[in-house]
Structure formats: structure tokens, C-alpha cells
Amino acid sequence: MSFAFKKFTFFQHTEVQGHAYPKNATCCAPSPACVHVGCDNGSVQLLDSSFQLLASFPAHGYRVQEAIWLERGALLTLGTEAPGCSSATIKVWDTRKLLASLPQHPPSSHPPPSTSLPPLRVCKVFGPKLPEGEITALAAHEGAHVGATTPASGSAAPPGQPPVTVAVGLATGMVYVLTLDAPLPAPPLAAGAAGQGKAGGGGG
């Protein structure tokens, strides 16, 4: 019996000269408008397609560990507010508003200053009944409640806005499943659905 190995090229390597990708990056989450880069100082930097800095904002008090871009148009981050895992927090951000507030032609000689951005949602990972542990993985699902979930808020999600289910994996082998309800941005409508909604509203 003989074995043959074949090399496949899945990506084309392109080197970007003069980029502003931070050296202290810990995670990244691409979106249609920019690349969100979490850093070990708790900030999130927004880079354009050429990896030039568009804006930045303080997301966590100590460190950004994970970042996920949600299809409904929001950024989900997991980070700590102080050394240790006890202050681990999940936050949801509407970075589209931050990009919309930027000038169309920002000065290129100086980096843009850090901007304050209030989170849409804040949820602590560990509580009195949830043992703490080192976080090693994060995943998010946008849709109906999945399996046994721990609600992160007492209110139900508004009609037409499914919650976001977040799974947090620990080094101990435990997985915590949290449900983030309102307030979260509504999922974007497709072009056809948006047109039908406008037509129905005009007929009333």
C-alpha cells in the first residue's frame, strides 16, 4: 500500500506594508465595514481594509480576550475588568454608530483619538452559582433559545428579535450557556423583505 501527499493552497499570502495592526492584539473579528481588533490593554481598534486605524474605544478595564461579529450588526466581546477571571464580562457594542460619526477625510498625520462608546449590553460570566475558571473558548448563536440556557436578563426578547445564545468554554471542561436578550440591534433585513415591509406599511 502506498500513500501520496498533495499540497493545497487555500490562501494567497499578501504582505501589507505600513499597516497599523496593533502588536498587542489578542483577537479580531471582521465585519463588512472594518476589522475589530481586541488588545491586551482592554481597547478595541477598528481598522479599514488596508489595516489603517479608523477609531478605537475602551471596551474592558483590563484585557479583551475574545471578539465575535454578530450578523445583526453588533460586536460581542469577552474580556476582564481586572486581573483574574472573576471579572470576566461579555459586552455587546454598536460600532456602526462609531463609524458613522467619523469624519469622511480624517487627518492621516495623527492617529484618531480613543472614543467613548457605551455598550448595548453587559453580562457578567460568573455569578454566585457559577464556579469560576479560566476561559478558553467563546461561541455565539443568533436565533431561538438553544438547549438549557441561563438568561442574562429577566426580560424576554422583543417580538421579531431572537436572542443571542453565547457558549463560554472553561479550561476545567465546563461550558456555560448564557442568553443575551434585549436591548440588541435587530437583524438586518434582506432587500426583498425590506421592500415588502415598506409596501405593507404604505397600504395601511
Protein backbone atom coordinates (compact mmCIF):
# COMPACT_ATOMS: atom_id res chain seq x y z
CA MET A 1 0.00 0.00 0.00
CA SER A 2 1.35 3.42 -0.95
CA PHE A 3 0.35 6.87 0.19
CA ALA A 4 0.59 10.09 -1.80
CA PHE A 5 0.54 13.56 -0.35
CA LYS A 6 -0.62 16.61 -2.25
CA LYS A 7 -0.16 20.21 -1.24
CA PHE A 8 -3.18 22.52 -1.49
CA THR A 9 -3.04 26.30 -1.47
CA PHE A 10 -6.08 27.67 0.32
CA PHE A 11 -4.91 31.26 0.81
CA GLN A 12 -2.82 33.74 -1.12
CA HIS A 13 -0.19 35.41 1.03
CA THR A 14 -0.07 39.19 0.65
CA GLU A 15 2.15 41.39 2.78
CA VAL A 16 0.69 44.76 3.79
CA GLN A 17 3.30 47.48 4.12
CA GLY A 18 2.92 50.24 6.73
CA HIS A 19 -0.06 48.67 8.47
CA ALA A 20 -1.37 49.76 11.86
CA TYR A 21 -2.32 46.31 13.17
CA PRO A 22 -1.56 46.51 16.90
CA LYS A 23 1.28 44.39 18.25
CA ASN A 24 -0.64 43.77 21.47
CA ALA A 25 -3.64 42.26 19.66
CA THR A 26 -5.34 39.33 21.37
CA CYS A 27 -8.26 38.65 18.98
CA CYS A 28 -10.01 40.01 15.92
CA ALA A 29 -13.49 39.97 14.40
CA PRO A 30 -14.00 41.11 10.78
CA SER A 31 -17.19 42.86 9.72
CA PRO A 32 -18.37 44.21 6.34
CA ALA A 33 -17.19 47.72 7.29
CA CYS A 34 -13.95 47.11 9.23
CA VAL A 35 -11.84 44.71 11.26
CA HIS A 36 -12.30 44.84 15.04
CA VAL A 37 -9.09 44.06 16.91
CA GLY A 38 -9.14 43.41 20.67
CA CYS A 39 -5.99 44.27 22.62
CA ASP A 40 -4.37 43.25 25.87
CA ASN A 41 -4.93 46.75 27.31
CA GLY A 42 -8.73 46.42 27.11
CA SER A 43 -9.23 48.52 23.99
CA VAL A 44 -10.81 47.63 20.65
CA GLN A 45 -9.32 49.13 17.49
CA LEU A 46 -11.21 49.47 14.21
CA LEU A 47 -9.09 49.01 11.08
CA ASP A 48 -10.00 49.53 7.44
CA SER A 49 -9.25 47.14 4.55
CA SER A 50 -5.65 48.45 4.42
CA PHE A 51 -5.26 47.83 8.17
CA GLN A 52 -5.14 51.54 8.92
CA LEU A 53 -6.62 52.75 12.19
CA LEU A 54 -10.10 54.26 11.90
CA ALA A 55 -11.06 54.52 15.57
CA SER A 56 -10.62 52.87 18.95
CA PHE A 57 -12.58 52.70 22.19
CA PRO A 58 -12.03 51.22 25.68
CA ALA A 59 -14.07 48.01 25.88
CA HIS A 60 -12.84 46.34 29.07
CA GLY A 61 -10.92 47.57 32.07
CA TYR A 62 -8.05 45.08 31.78
CA ARG A 63 -7.98 42.83 28.70
CA VAL A 64 -10.06 41.83 25.66
CA GLN A 65 -9.93 38.06 25.29
CA GLU A 66 -12.44 37.19 22.54
CA ALA A 67 -14.45 39.06 19.92
CA ILE A 68 -17.28 37.93 17.61
CA TRP A 69 -19.12 39.93 14.94
CA LEU A 70 -22.85 39.18 15.03
CA GLU A 71 -24.83 39.06 11.79
CA ARG A 72 -27.36 41.51 13.21
CA GLY A 73 -24.67 44.20 13.08
CA ALA A 74 -23.12 44.27 16.55
CA LEU A 75 -19.78 43.38 18.10
CA LEU A 76 -19.66 40.94 21.02
CA THR A 77 -16.56 40.98 23.22
CA LEU A 78 -15.45 38.95 26.21
CA GLY A 79 -12.85 40.47 28.50
CA THR A 80 -11.82 41.11 32.06
CA GLU A 81 -12.07 44.31 34.05
CA ALA A 82 -9.22 43.37 36.41
CA PRO A 83 -6.53 40.68 36.65
CA GLY A 84 -8.02 37.24 37.16
CA CYS A 85 -11.06 35.51 35.74
CA SER A 86 -13.62 36.64 38.33
CA SER A 87 -14.28 39.91 36.48
CA ALA A 88 -14.93 38.26 33.10
CA THR A 89 -17.66 40.17 31.28
CA ILE A 90 -19.49 39.87 27.97
CA LYS A 91 -20.41 43.13 26.24
CA VAL A 92 -22.26 44.00 23.05
CA TRP A 93 -21.34 47.11 21.05
CA ASP A 94 -22.89 49.00 18.13
CA THR A 95 -19.69 50.01 16.35
CA ARG A 96 -21.67 51.10 13.29
CA LYS A 97 -22.63 54.27 15.15
CA LEU A 98 -18.97 54.91 15.92
CA LEU A 99 -18.01 54.55 12.25
CA ALA A 100 -20.89 56.78 11.17
CA SER A 101 -19.65 59.57 13.46
CA LEU A 102 -16.15 59.62 11.96
CA PRO A 103 -15.17 62.40 9.53
CA GLN A 104 -15.09 61.37 5.87
CA HIS A 105 -11.50 62.55 5.41
CA PRO A 106 -9.66 62.14 8.74
CA PRO A 107 -6.15 63.60 9.02
CA SER A 108 -3.53 60.98 8.17
CA SER A 109 -0.65 62.54 10.09
CA HIS A 110 -2.06 61.77 13.55
CA PRO A 111 -3.90 58.64 14.75
CA PRO A 112 -7.54 59.20 15.72
CA PRO A 113 -8.12 59.63 19.46
CA SER A 114 -9.83 56.99 21.55
CA THR A 115 -13.60 57.44 21.61
CA SER A 116 -16.03 56.57 24.37
CA LEU A 117 -18.70 54.09 23.24
CA PRO A 118 -21.41 52.89 25.65
CA PRO A 119 -22.16 49.15 25.46
CA LEU A 120 -25.60 47.94 24.43
CA ARG A 121 -25.47 45.00 26.81
CA VAL A 122 -23.26 43.96 29.75
CA CYS A 123 -23.34 40.48 31.27
CA LYS A 124 -21.01 39.03 33.90
CA VAL A 125 -19.94 35.47 33.13
CA PHE A 126 -19.51 34.19 36.66
CA GLY A 127 -22.07 34.54 39.43
CA PRO A 128 -22.70 33.13 42.90
CA LYS A 129 -23.85 29.77 41.47
CA LEU A 130 -21.31 29.50 38.65
CA PRO A 131 -17.80 28.37 39.67
CA GLU A 132 -15.01 30.45 38.16
CA GLY A 133 -12.38 29.12 35.78
CA GLU A 134 -10.01 30.12 33.01
CA ILE A 135 -11.95 30.93 29.83
CA THR A 136 -10.57 29.16 26.77
CA ALA A 137 -13.32 29.44 24.13
CA LEU A 138 -16.30 31.56 23.09
CA ALA A 139 -19.08 30.93 20.56
CA ALA A 140 -22.31 32.74 19.74
CA HIS A 141 -25.53 31.63 18.03
CA GLU A 142 -28.17 34.04 16.78
CA GLY A 143 -31.62 32.51 16.94
CA ALA A 144 -34.07 30.86 19.30
CA HIS A 145 -33.04 29.59 22.71
CA VAL A 146 -30.80 26.55 22.38
CA GLY A 147 -30.98 23.77 24.98
CA ALA A 148 -30.77 24.70 28.64
CA THR A 149 -29.85 28.35 28.89
CA THR A 150 -29.18 30.73 31.72
CA PRO A 151 -31.00 34.02 30.99
CA ALA A 152 -28.73 37.02 31.34
CA SER A 153 -31.72 39.29 31.92
CA GLY A 154 -35.21 38.89 33.29
CA SER A 155 -36.90 40.40 30.23
CA ALA A 156 -37.91 38.46 27.16
CA ALA A 157 -36.63 39.32 23.73
CA PRO A 158 -38.88 41.68 21.74
CA PRO A 159 -41.04 40.10 19.00
CA GLY A 160 -39.06 39.55 15.83
CA GLN A 161 -35.71 39.87 17.63
CA PRO A 162 -34.35 36.41 18.53
CA PRO A 163 -31.89 36.34 21.42
CA VAL A 164 -28.19 35.64 21.13
CA THR A 165 -27.02 32.44 22.82
CA VAL A 166 -23.40 32.54 23.99
CA ALA A 167 -21.36 29.48 24.98
CA VAL A 168 -18.32 30.07 27.19
CA GLY A 169 -15.82 27.21 27.47
CA LEU A 170 -13.58 26.82 30.51
CA ALA A 171 -10.24 25.07 30.99
CA THR A 172 -11.98 22.78 33.50
CA GLY A 173 -14.10 21.26 30.72
CA MET A 174 -17.24 23.11 31.80
CA VAL A 175 -19.33 25.08 29.29
CA TYR A 176 -21.64 27.87 30.43
CA VAL A 177 -24.50 28.83 28.11
CA LEU A 178 -25.90 32.35 28.51
CA THR A 179 -28.76 34.06 26.70
CA LEU A 180 -28.48 37.75 25.84
CA ASP A 181 -31.89 39.32 25.35
CA ALA A 182 -32.85 42.96 24.78
CA PRO A 183 -31.52 45.52 24.15
CA LEU A 184 -29.83 44.23 21.00
CA PRO A 185 -29.98 45.57 17.46
CA ALA A 186 -32.47 43.87 15.18
CA PRO A 187 -31.07 41.60 12.46
CA PRO A 188 -30.72 43.43 9.12
CA LEU A 189 -33.50 42.77 6.61
CA ALA A 190 -32.81 41.47 3.15
CA ALA A 191 -33.54 43.82 0.25
CA GLY A 192 -36.72 41.97 -0.72
CA ALA A 193 -38.03 41.78 2.84
CA ALA A 194 -37.35 45.47 3.39
CA GLY A 195 -39.26 46.37 0.25
CA GLN A 196 -42.24 44.27 1.28
CA GLY A 197 -42.27 45.89 4.72
CA LYS A 198 -42.37 49.37 3.22
CA ALA A 199 -45.11 48.39 0.82
CA GLY A 200 -47.22 46.91 3.60
CA GLY A 201 -46.78 49.99 5.77
CA GLY A 202 -47.86 52.34 3.00
CA GLY A 203 -51.04 50.38 2.36
CA GLY A 204 -52.25 50.82 5.95
